[in-house]
Amino acid sequence: MQSNALRTAGRVPAIVQIVLRQAVRRRAENGISGAVFEEQIRRLGREELEPKGLKLLVRELSEGRTRYIIKDQATGTVCDLLNFNAEGALEGDSVEQEVLPSV
C-alpha cells in the first residue's frame, strides 16, 4: 500500500510529511539545532496530529536511521510510516499497514 493512501485513509495531513522531510533533512545537514528540531517535531504533533486523534512516535534504528510512526490513538493502527537514513533522506514510499503496540 502506498504511503499516500495511508495518509488519506488515516487522516494524516499532507503537511506532516512535508514538515518531517524538511526538518529531518535540515537537521542532518546541521542547518538547525537539535533543540529547534525537537520543538518542530513536538509542534507538528501538537498542532497537526493530536487534534485528529493521531500521535507521532519516533524510533531510533541501527546505522543512524530513524523511523517516524503516525498512529491512530484510539485503534493503534499505523496511518503513516517514514524511515529516514542517517543523511536525512526518506528510505522509501511504500509501507504495509500494521498495528503496533500502544506506547
PDB file of N, CA and C in Angstrom:
ATOM      1  N   MET A   1       0.852  -1.178   0.000  1.00  0.00           N
ATOM      2  CA  MET A   1       0.000   0.000   0.000  1.00  0.00           C
ATOM      3  C   MET A   1       0.894   1.236   0.000  1.00  0.00           C
ATOM      4  N   GLN A   2       0.578   2.211  -0.791  1.00  0.00           N
ATOM      5  CA  GLN A   2       1.381   3.416  -0.893  1.00  0.00           C
ATOM      6  C   GLN A   2       1.166   4.316   0.315  1.00  0.00           C
ATOM      7  N   SER A   3       2.204   5.057   0.666  1.00  0.00           N
ATOM      8  CA  SER A   3       2.158   5.960   1.797  1.00  0.00           C
ATOM      9  C   SER A   3       1.040   6.997   1.631  1.00  0.00           C
ATOM     10  N   ASN A   4       0.835   7.508   0.409  1.00  0.00           N
ATOM     11  CA  ASN A   4      -0.229   8.483   0.187  1.00  0.00           C
ATOM     12  C   ASN A   4      -1.593   7.915   0.528  1.00  0.00           C
ATOM     13  N   ALA A   5      -1.832   6.667   0.189  1.00  0.00           N
ATOM     14  CA  ALA A   5      -3.112   6.031   0.507  1.00  0.00           C
ATOM     15  C   ALA A   5      -3.290   5.928   2.010  1.00  0.00           C
ATOM     16  N   LEU A   6      -2.213   5.638   2.726  1.00  0.00           N
ATOM     17  CA  LEU A   6      -2.299   5.557   4.179  1.00  0.00           C
ATOM     18  C   LEU A   6      -2.622   6.918   4.777  1.00  0.00           C
ATOM     19  N   ARG A   7      -2.000   7.969   4.275  1.00  0.00           N
ATOM     20  CA  ARG A   7      -2.278   9.307   4.798  1.00  0.00           C
ATOM     21  C   ARG A   7      -3.735   9.675   4.573  1.00  0.00           C
ATOM     22  N   THR A   8      -4.282   9.347   3.414  1.00  0.00           N
ATOM     23  CA  THR A   8      -5.677   9.656   3.130  1.00  0.00           C
ATOM     24  C   THR A   8      -6.585   8.862   4.049  1.00  0.00           C
ATOM     25  N   ALA A   9      -6.344   7.568   4.143  1.00  0.00           N
ATOM     26  CA  ALA A   9      -7.195   6.708   4.958  1.00  0.00           C
ATOM     27  C   ALA A   9      -7.051   7.039   6.439  1.00  0.00           C
ATOM     28  N   GLY A  10      -5.872   7.449   6.858  1.00  0.00           N
ATOM     29  CA  GLY A  10      -5.615   7.675   8.263  1.00  0.00           C
ATOM     30  C   GLY A  10      -5.727   9.111   8.719  1.00  0.00           C
ATOM     31  N   ARG A  11      -6.202   9.978   7.853  1.00  0.00           N
ATOM     32  CA  ARG A  11      -6.413  11.376   8.224  1.00  0.00           C
ATOM     33  C   ARG A  11      -5.129  12.154   8.482  1.00  0.00           C
ATOM     34  N   VAL A  12      -4.011  11.703   7.974  1.00  0.00           N
ATOM     35  CA  VAL A  12      -2.752  12.407   8.197  1.00  0.00           C
ATOM     36  C   VAL A  12      -2.644  13.538   7.182  1.00  0.00           C
ATOM     37  N   PRO A  13      -2.579  14.785   7.655  1.00  0.00           N
ATOM     38  CA  PRO A  13      -2.456  15.905   6.727  1.00  0.00           C
ATOM     39  C   PRO A  13      -1.150  15.815   5.931  1.00  0.00           C
ATOM     40  N   ALA A  14      -1.196  16.195   4.671  1.00  0.00           N
ATOM     41  CA  ALA A  14      -0.008  16.155   3.814  1.00  0.00           C
ATOM     42  C   ALA A  14       1.123  17.011   4.372  1.00  0.00           C
ATOM     43  N   ILE A  15       0.784  18.080   5.070  1.00  0.00           N
ATOM     44  CA  ILE A  15       1.809  18.972   5.621  1.00  0.00           C
ATOM     45  C   ILE A  15       2.720  18.247   6.604  1.00  0.00           C
ATOM     46  N   VAL A  16       2.215  17.189   7.239  1.00  0.00           N
ATOM     47  CA  VAL A  16       3.013  16.458   8.220  1.00  0.00           C
ATOM     48  C   VAL A  16       4.236  15.832   7.558  1.00  0.00           C
ATOM     49  N   GLN A  17       4.043  15.147   6.442  1.00  0.00           N
ATOM     50  CA  GLN A  17       5.187  14.533   5.768  1.00  0.00           C
ATOM     51  C   GLN A  17       6.131  15.598   5.217  1.00  0.00           C
ATOM     52  N   ILE A  18       5.600  16.688   4.719  1.00  0.00           N
ATOM     53  CA  ILE A  18       6.438  17.771   4.189  1.00  0.00           C
ATOM     54  C   ILE A  18       7.322  18.354   5.283  1.00  0.00           C
ATOM     55  N   VAL A  19       6.723  18.672   6.416  1.00  0.00           N
ATOM     56  CA  VAL A  19       7.484  19.253   7.524  1.00  0.00           C
ATOM     57  C   VAL A  19       8.514  18.260   8.051  1.00  0.00           C
ATOM     58  N   LEU A  20       8.122  17.001   8.197  1.00  0.00           N
ATOM     59  CA  LEU A  20       9.069  15.982   8.666  1.00  0.00           C
ATOM     60  C   LEU A  20      10.261  15.859   7.731  1.00  0.00           C
ATOM     61  N   ARG A  21       9.992  15.768   6.439  1.00  0.00           N
ATOM     62  CA  ARG A  21      11.088  15.642   5.461  1.00  0.00           C
ATOM     63  C   ARG A  21      12.054  16.816   5.555  1.00  0.00           C
ATOM     64  N   GLN A  22      11.509  18.022   5.591  1.00  0.00           N
ATOM     65  CA  GLN A  22      12.365  19.206   5.649  1.00  0.00           C
ATOM     66  C   GLN A  22      13.142  19.280   6.953  1.00  0.00           C
ATOM     67  N   ALA A  23      12.477  19.019   8.060  1.00  0.00           N
ATOM     68  CA  ALA A  23      13.143  19.105   9.364  1.00  0.00           C
ATOM     69  C   ALA A  23      14.253  18.066   9.488  1.00  0.00           C
ATOM     70  N   VAL A  24      13.977  16.834   9.075  1.00  0.00           N
ATOM     71  CA  VAL A  24      14.984  15.777   9.161  1.00  0.00           C
ATOM     72  C   VAL A  24      16.175  16.106   8.268  1.00  0.00           C
ATOM     73  N   ARG A  25      15.900  16.564   7.057  1.00  0.00           N
ATOM     74  CA  ARG A  25      16.993  16.914   6.135  1.00  0.00           C
ATOM     75  C   ARG A  25      17.835  18.065   6.696  1.00  0.00           C
ATOM     76  N   ARG A  26      17.164  19.112   7.180  1.00  0.00           N
ATOM     77  CA  ARG A  26      17.904  20.261   7.724  1.00  0.00           C
ATOM     78  C   ARG A  26      18.712  19.869   8.950  1.00  0.00           C
ATOM     79  N   ARG A  27      18.171  19.011   9.789  1.00  0.00           N
ATOM     80  CA  ARG A  27      18.905  18.555  10.973  1.00  0.00           C
ATOM     81  C   ARG A  27      20.130  17.739  10.563  1.00  0.00           C
ATOM     82  N   ALA A  28      19.968  16.855   9.577  1.00  0.00           N
ATOM     83  CA  ALA A  28      21.082  16.026   9.107  1.00  0.00           C
ATOM     84  C   ALA A  28      22.193  16.882   8.503  1.00  0.00           C
ATOM     85  N   GLU A  29      21.824  18.004   7.907  1.00  0.00           N
ATOM     86  CA  GLU A  29      22.803  18.917   7.299  1.00  0.00           C
ATOM     87  C   GLU A  29      23.330  19.938   8.300  1.00  0.00           C
ATOM     88  N   ASN A  30      22.946  19.811   9.574  1.00  0.00           N
ATOM     89  CA  ASN A  30      23.309  20.762  10.626  1.00  0.00           C
ATOM     90  C   ASN A  30      22.789  22.164  10.345  1.00  0.00           C
ATOM     91  N   GLY A  31      21.663  22.243   9.632  1.00  0.00           N
ATOM     92  CA  GLY A  31      21.040  23.527   9.330  1.00  0.00           C
ATOM     93  C   GLY A  31      20.204  24.065  10.478  1.00  0.00           C
ATOM     94  N   ILE A  32      19.821  23.189  11.405  1.00  0.00           N
ATOM     95  CA  ILE A  32      19.102  23.602  12.602  1.00  0.00           C
ATOM     96  C   ILE A  32      19.656  22.808  13.787  1.00  0.00           C
ATOM     97  N   SER A  33      19.498  23.365  14.959  1.00  0.00           N
ATOM     98  CA  SER A  33      19.990  22.698  16.165  1.00  0.00           C
ATOM     99  C   SER A  33      19.060  21.567  16.571  1.00  0.00           C
ATOM    100  N   GLY A  34      19.553  20.709  17.426  1.00  0.00           N
ATOM    101  CA  GLY A  34      18.735  19.628  17.956  1.00  0.00           C
ATOM    102  C   GLY A  34      17.523  20.155  18.696  1.00  0.00           C
ATOM    103  N   ALA A  35      17.687  21.249  19.427  1.00  0.00           N
ATOM    104  CA  ALA A  35      16.579  21.829  20.188  1.00  0.00           C
ATOM    105  C   ALA A  35      15.489  22.363  19.259  1.00  0.00           C
ATOM    106  N   VAL A  36      15.880  23.027  18.194  1.00  0.00           N
ATOM    107  CA  VAL A  36      14.914  23.550  17.225  1.00  0.00           C
ATOM    108  C   VAL A  36      14.200  22.393  16.542  1.00  0.00           C
ATOM    109  N   PHE A  37      14.950  21.368  16.182  1.00  0.00           N
ATOM    110  CA  PHE A  37      14.363  20.188  15.545  1.00  0.00           C
ATOM    111  C   PHE A  37      13.327  19.540  16.453  1.00  0.00           C
ATOM    112  N   GLU A  38      13.687  19.310  17.705  1.00  0.00           N
ATOM    113  CA  GLU A  38      12.765  18.692  18.655  1.00  0.00           C
ATOM    114  C   GLU A  38      11.502  19.519  18.834  1.00  0.00           C
ATOM    115  N   GLU A  39      11.643  20.837  18.872  1.00  0.00           N
ATOM    116  CA  GLU A  39      10.466  21.698  19.010  1.00  0.00           C
ATOM    117  C   GLU A  39       9.581  21.613  17.770  1.00  0.00           C
ATOM    118  N   GLN A  40      10.169  21.540  16.585  1.00  0.00           N
ATOM    119  CA  GLN A  40       9.376  21.391  15.366  1.00  0.00           C
ATOM    120  C   GLN A  40       8.577  20.089  15.393  1.00  0.00           C
ATOM    121  N   ILE A  41       9.204  19.017  15.850  1.00  0.00           N
ATOM    122  CA  ILE A  41       8.530  17.720  15.912  1.00  0.00           C
ATOM    123  C   ILE A  41       7.393  17.760  16.939  1.00  0.00           C
ATOM    124  N   ARG A  42       7.650  18.347  18.103  1.00  0.00           N
ATOM    125  CA  ARG A  42       6.600  18.471  19.124  1.00  0.00           C
ATOM    126  C   ARG A  42       5.425  19.313  18.605  1.00  0.00           C
ATOM    127  N   ARG A  43       5.751  20.414  17.948  1.00  0.00           N
ATOM    128  CA  ARG A  43       4.714  21.307  17.424  1.00  0.00           C
ATOM    129  C   ARG A  43       3.885  20.609  16.341  1.00  0.00           C
ATOM    130  N   LEU A  44       4.534  19.846  15.501  1.00  0.00           N
ATOM    131  CA  LEU A  44       3.834  19.092  14.460  1.00  0.00           C
ATOM    132  C   LEU A  44       2.813  18.142  15.084  1.00  0.00           C
ATOM    133  N   GLY A  45       3.235  17.441  16.105  1.00  0.00           N
ATOM    134  CA  GLY A  45       2.317  16.539  16.800  1.00  0.00           C
ATOM    135  C   GLY A  45       1.174  17.282  17.467  1.00  0.00           C
ATOM    136  N   ARG A  46       1.518  18.341  18.162  1.00  0.00           N
ATOM    137  CA  ARG A  46       0.532  19.108  18.924  1.00  0.00           C
ATOM    138  C   ARG A  46      -0.491  19.801  18.019  1.00  0.00           C
ATOM    139  N   GLU A  47      -0.037  20.401  16.933  1.00  0.00           N
ATOM    140  CA  GLU A  47      -0.920  21.224  16.108  1.00  0.00           C
ATOM    141  C   GLU A  47      -1.597  20.467  14.964  1.00  0.00           C
ATOM    142  N   GLU A  48      -0.926  19.477  14.400  1.00  0.00           N
ATOM    143  CA  GLU A  48      -1.467  18.808  13.217  1.00  0.00           C
ATOM    144  C   GLU A  48      -2.024  17.411  13.504  1.00  0.00           C
ATOM    145  N   LEU A  49      -1.422  16.699  14.440  1.00  0.00           N
ATOM    146  CA  LEU A  49      -1.817  15.306  14.648  1.00  0.00           C
ATOM    147  C   LEU A  49      -2.777  15.113  15.811  1.00  0.00           C
ATOM    148  N   GLU A  50      -2.452  15.627  16.971  1.00  0.00           N
ATOM    149  CA  GLU A  50      -3.284  15.408  18.149  1.00  0.00           C
ATOM    150  C   GLU A  50      -4.742  15.831  17.958  1.00  0.00           C
ATOM    151  N   PRO A  51      -5.024  16.972  17.297  1.00  0.00           N
ATOM    152  CA  PRO A  51      -6.428  17.341  17.091  1.00  0.00           C
ATOM    153  C   PRO A  51      -7.207  16.325  16.235  1.00  0.00           C
ATOM    154  N   LYS A  52      -6.505  15.502  15.485  1.00  0.00           N
ATOM    155  CA  LYS A  52      -7.140  14.497  14.633  1.00  0.00           C
ATOM    156  C   LYS A  52      -7.101  13.106  15.259  1.00  0.00           C
ATOM    157  N   GLY A  53      -6.697  13.031  16.540  1.00  0.00           N
ATOM    158  CA  GLY A  53      -6.655  11.748  17.227  1.00  0.00           C
ATOM    159  C   GLY A  53      -5.467  10.894  16.823  1.00  0.00           C
ATOM    160  N   LEU A  54      -4.386  11.528  16.366  1.00  0.00           N
ATOM    161  CA  LEU A  54      -3.190  10.814  15.931  1.00  0.00           C
ATOM    162  C   LEU A  54      -2.022  11.162  16.837  1.00  0.00           C
ATOM    163  N   LYS A  55      -1.025  10.291  16.856  1.00  0.00           N
ATOM    164  CA  LYS A  55       0.186  10.597  17.611  1.00  0.00           C
ATOM    165  C   LYS A  55       1.403  10.194  16.800  1.00  0.00           C
ATOM    166  N   LEU A  56       2.496  10.892  17.060  1.00  0.00           N
ATOM    167  CA  LEU A  56       3.756  10.662  16.361  1.00  0.00           C
ATOM    168  C   LEU A  56       4.725   9.974  17.309  1.00  0.00           C
ATOM    169  N   LEU A  57       5.239   8.835  16.869  1.00  0.00           N
ATOM    170  CA  LEU A  57       6.245   8.098  17.633  1.00  0.00           C
ATOM    171  C   LEU A  57       7.550   8.132  16.846  1.00  0.00           C
ATOM    172  N   VAL A  58       8.650   8.236  17.556  1.00  0.00           N
ATOM    173  CA  VAL A  58       9.960   8.277  16.925  1.00  0.00           C
ATOM    174  C   VAL A  58      10.771   7.100  17.435  1.00  0.00           C
ATOM    175  N   ARG A  59      11.337   6.345  16.516  1.00  0.00           N
ATOM    176  CA  ARG A  59      12.161   5.186  16.860  1.00  0.00           C
ATOM    177  C   ARG A  59      13.534   5.333  16.214  1.00  0.00           C
ATOM    178  N   GLU A  60      14.554   5.260  17.038  1.00  0.00           N
ATOM    179  CA  GLU A  60      15.923   5.273  16.526  1.00  0.00           C
ATOM    180  C   GLU A  60      16.271   3.850  16.106  1.00  0.00           C
ATOM    181  N   LEU A  61      16.737   3.687  14.883  1.00  0.00           N
ATOM    182  CA  LEU A  61      17.098   2.384  14.350  1.00  0.00           C
ATOM    183  C   LEU A  61      18.613   2.287  14.219  1.00  0.00           C
ATOM    184  N   SER A  62      19.094   1.184  13.726  1.00  0.00           N
ATOM    185  CA  SER A  62      20.529   0.997  13.556  1.00  0.00           C
ATOM    186  C   SER A  62      21.076   1.894  12.449  1.00  0.00           C
ATOM    187  N   GLU A  63      22.366   2.085  12.456  1.00  0.00           N
ATOM    188  CA  GLU A  63      23.096   2.827  11.425  1.00  0.00           C
ATOM    189  C   GLU A  63      22.614   4.258  11.249  1.00  0.00           C
ATOM    190  N   GLY A  64      22.141   4.884  12.324  1.00  0.00           N
ATOM    191  CA  GLY A  64      21.729   6.282  12.281  1.00  0.00           C
ATOM    192  C   GLY A  64      20.378   6.531  11.634  1.00  0.00           C
ATOM    193  N   ARG A  65      19.644   5.476  11.343  1.00  0.00           N
ATOM    194  CA  ARG A  65      18.326   5.616  10.725  1.00  0.00           C
ATOM    195  C   ARG A  65      17.287   5.944  11.791  1.00  0.00           C
ATOM    196  N   THR A  66      16.224   6.633  11.373  1.00  0.00           N
ATOM    197  CA  THR A  66      15.140   6.993  12.279  1.00  0.00           C
ATOM    198  C   THR A  66      13.811   6.698  11.612  1.00  0.00           C
ATOM    199  N   ARG A  67      12.885   6.143  12.394  1.00  0.00           N
ATOM    200  CA  ARG A  67      11.540   5.833  11.905  1.00  0.00           C
ATOM    201  C   ARG A  67      10.546   6.731  12.632  1.00  0.00           C
ATOM    202  N   TYR A  68       9.672   7.364  11.853  1.00  0.00           N
ATOM    203  CA  TYR A  68       8.591   8.181  12.380  1.00  0.00           C
ATOM    204  C   TYR A  68       7.295   7.439  12.087  1.00  0.00           C
ATOM    205  N   ILE A  69       6.568   7.131  13.136  1.00  0.00           N
ATOM    206  CA  ILE A  69       5.340   6.355  13.020  1.00  0.00           C
ATOM    207  C   ILE A  69       4.181   7.243  13.454  1.00  0.00           C
ATOM    208  N   ILE A  70       3.172   7.328  12.608  1.00  0.00           N
ATOM    209  CA  ILE A  70       1.969   8.085  12.954  1.00  0.00           C
ATOM    210  C   ILE A  70       0.854   7.068  13.145  1.00  0.00           C
ATOM    211  N   LYS A  71       0.315   7.061  14.376  1.00  0.00           N
ATOM    212  CA  LYS A  71      -0.696   6.069  14.741  1.00  0.00           C
ATOM    213  C   LYS A  71      -1.996   6.740  15.148  1.00  0.00           C
ATOM    214  N   ASP A  72      -3.080   6.031  14.903  1.00  0.00           N
ATOM    215  CA  ASP A  72      -4.377   6.429  15.408  1.00  0.00           C
ATOM    216  C   ASP A  72      -4.377   6.117  16.901  1.00  0.00           C
ATOM    217  N   GLN A  73      -4.657   7.108  17.734  1.00  0.00           N
ATOM    218  CA  GLN A  73      -4.597   6.900  19.180  1.00  0.00           C
ATOM    219  C   GLN A  73      -5.646   5.911  19.673  1.00  0.00           C
ATOM    220  N   ALA A  74      -6.793   5.882  19.048  1.00  0.00           N
ATOM    221  CA  ALA A  74      -7.872   5.023  19.518  1.00  0.00           C
ATOM    222  C   ALA A  74      -7.667   3.555  19.162  1.00  0.00           C
ATOM    223  N   THR A  75      -7.165   3.283  17.974  1.00  0.00           N
ATOM    224  CA  THR A  75      -7.073   1.901  17.499  1.00  0.00           C
ATOM    225  C   THR A  75      -5.652   1.344  17.462  1.00  0.00           C
ATOM    226  N   GLY A  76      -4.651   2.220  17.492  1.00  0.00           N
ATOM    227  CA  GLY A  76      -3.269   1.771  17.375  1.00  0.00           C
ATOM    228  C   GLY A  76      -2.855   1.478  15.944  1.00  0.00           C
ATOM    229  N   THR A  77      -3.741   1.743  14.999  1.00  0.00           N
ATOM    230  CA  THR A  77      -3.434   1.498  13.592  1.00  0.00           C
ATOM    231  C   THR A  77      -2.387   2.488  13.093  1.00  0.00           C
ATOM    232  N   VAL A  78      -1.400   1.972  12.383  1.00  0.00           N
ATOM    233  CA  VAL A  78      -0.380   2.836  11.783  1.00  0.00           C
ATOM    234  C   VAL A  78      -0.994   3.511  10.569  1.00  0.00           C
ATOM    235  N   CYS A  79      -0.966   4.824  10.564  1.00  0.00           N
ATOM    236  CA  CYS A  79      -1.517   5.604   9.460  1.00  0.00           C
ATOM    237  C   CYS A  79      -0.440   6.028   8.476  1.00  0.00           C
ATOM    238  N   ASP A  80       0.781   6.185   8.945  1.00  0.00           N
ATOM    239  CA  ASP A  80       1.900   6.524   8.080  1.00  0.00           C
ATOM    240  C   ASP A  80       3.183   6.104   8.784  1.00  0.00           C
ATOM    241  N   LEU A  81       4.172   5.771   7.976  1.00  0.00           N
ATOM    242  CA  LEU A  81       5.453   5.305   8.492  1.00  0.00           C
ATOM    243  C   LEU A  81       6.524   5.855   7.580  1.00  0.00           C
ATOM    244  N   LEU A  82       7.461   6.598   8.150  1.00  0.00           N
ATOM    245  CA  LEU A  82       8.529   7.209   7.365  1.00  0.00           C
ATOM    246  C   LEU A  82       9.871   6.789   7.948  1.00  0.00           C
ATOM    247  N   ASN A  83      10.705   6.208   7.119  1.00  0.00           N
ATOM    248  CA  ASN A  83      12.055   5.818   7.527  1.00  0.00           C
ATOM    249  C   ASN A  83      13.048   6.733   6.842  1.00  0.00           C
ATOM    250  N   PHE A  84      13.920   7.349   7.642  1.00  0.00           N
ATOM    251  CA  PHE A  84      14.951   8.229   7.107  1.00  0.00           C
ATOM    252  C   PHE A  84      16.312   7.631   7.392  1.00  0.00           C
ATOM    253  N   ASN A  85      17.235   7.767   6.445  1.00  0.00           N
ATOM    254  CA  ASN A  85      18.596   7.299   6.681  1.00  0.00           C
ATOM    255  C   ASN A  85      19.376   8.357   7.449  1.00  0.00           C
ATOM    256  N   ALA A  86      20.623   8.073   7.769  1.00  0.00           N
ATOM    257  CA  ALA A  86      21.444   8.971   8.582  1.00  0.00           C
ATOM    258  C   ALA A  86      21.681  10.318   7.905  1.00  0.00           C
ATOM    259  N   GLU A  87      21.577  10.353   6.568  1.00  0.00           N
ATOM    260  CA  GLU A  87      21.777  11.602   5.827  1.00  0.00           C
ATOM    261  C   GLU A  87      20.505  12.424   5.715  1.00  0.00           C
ATOM    262  N   GLY A  88      19.411  11.934   6.268  1.00  0.00           N
ATOM    263  CA  GLY A  88      18.152  12.668   6.258  1.00  0.00           C
ATOM    264  C   GLY A  88      17.291  12.423   5.037  1.00  0.00           C
ATOM    265  N   ALA A  89      17.599  11.381   4.261  1.00  0.00           N
ATOM    266  CA  ALA A  89      16.804  11.068   3.073  1.00  0.00           C
ATOM    267  C   ALA A  89      15.751  10.011   3.411  1.00  0.00           C
ATOM    268  N   LEU A  90      14.575  10.168   2.844  1.00  0.00           N
ATOM    269  CA  LEU A  90      13.495   9.210   3.039  1.00  0.00           C
ATOM    270  C   LEU A  90      13.865   7.902   2.351  1.00  0.00           C
ATOM    271  N   GLU A  91      13.677   6.779   3.039  1.00  0.00           N
ATOM    272  CA  GLU A  91      14.129   5.482   2.536  1.00  0.00           C
ATOM    273  C   GLU A  91      13.134   4.754   1.653  1.00  0.00           C
ATOM    274  N   GLY A  92      11.961   5.214   1.441  1.00  0.00           N
ATOM    275  CA  GLY A  92      11.007   4.514   0.584  1.00  0.00           C
ATOM    276  C   GLY A  92       9.631   5.095   0.721  1.00  0.00           C
ATOM    277  N   ASP A  93       8.817   4.887  -0.300  1.00  0.00           N
ATOM    278  CA  ASP A  93       7.489   5.478  -0.290  1.00  0.00           C
ATOM    279  C   ASP A  93       6.387   4.505   0.072  1.00  0.00           C
ATOM    280  N   SER A  94       6.663   3.214   0.064  1.00  0.00           N
ATOM    281  CA  SER A  94       5.580   2.283   0.349  1.00  0.00           C
ATOM    282  C   SER A  94       5.799   1.600   1.688  1.00  0.00           C
ATOM    283  N   VAL A  95       4.680   1.246   2.306  1.00  0.00           N
ATOM    284  CA  VAL A  95       4.706   0.591   3.604  1.00  0.00           C
ATOM    285  C   VAL A  95       3.432  -0.223   3.755  1.00  0.00           C
ATOM    286  N   GLU A  96       3.557  -1.363   4.352  1.00  0.00           N
ATOM    287  CA  GLU A  96       2.378  -2.169   4.646  1.00  0.00           C
ATOM    288  C   GLU A  96       1.756  -1.643   5.933  1.00  0.00           C
ATOM    289  N   GLN A  97       0.447  -1.598   5.988  1.00  0.00           N
ATOM    290  CA  GLN A  97      -0.229  -1.139   7.188  1.00  0.00           C
ATOM    291  C   GLN A  97      -0.062  -2.184   8.275  1.00  0.00           C
ATOM    292  N   GLU A  98       0.261  -1.743   9.478  1.00  0.00           N
ATOM    293  CA  GLU A  98       0.472  -2.648  10.583  1.00  0.00           C
ATOM    294  C   GLU A  98      -0.060  -2.047  11.864  1.00  0.00           C
ATOM    295  N   VAL A  99      -0.281  -2.852  12.849  1.00  0.00           N
ATOM    296  CA  VAL A  99      -0.693  -2.381  14.155  1.00  0.00           C
ATOM    297  C   VAL A  99       0.464  -2.624  15.115  1.00  0.00           C
ATOM    298  N   LEU A 100       0.915  -1.540  15.752  1.00  0.00           N
ATOM    299  CA  LEU A 100       1.999  -1.629  16.715  1.00  0.00           C
ATOM    300  C   LEU A 100       1.427  -1.514  18.107  1.00  0.00           C
ATOM    301  N   PRO A 101       2.112  -2.041  19.098  1.00  0.00           N
ATOM    302  CA  PRO A 101       1.615  -1.911  20.467  1.00  0.00           C
ATOM    303  C   PRO A 101       1.551  -0.450  20.891  1.00  0.00           C
ATOM    304  N   SER A 102       0.551  -0.099  21.670  1.00  0.00           N
ATOM    305  CA  SER A 102       0.431   1.263  22.157  1.00  0.00           C
ATOM    306  C   SER A 102       1.575   1.603  23.076  1.00  0.00           C
ATOM    307  N   VAL A 103       1.976   2.863  23.027  1.00  0.00           N
ATOM    308  CA  VAL A 103       3.075   3.324  23.873  1.00  0.00           C
ATOM    309  C   VAL A 103       2.556   4.315  24.865  1.00  0.00           C
TER     310      VAL A 103
END
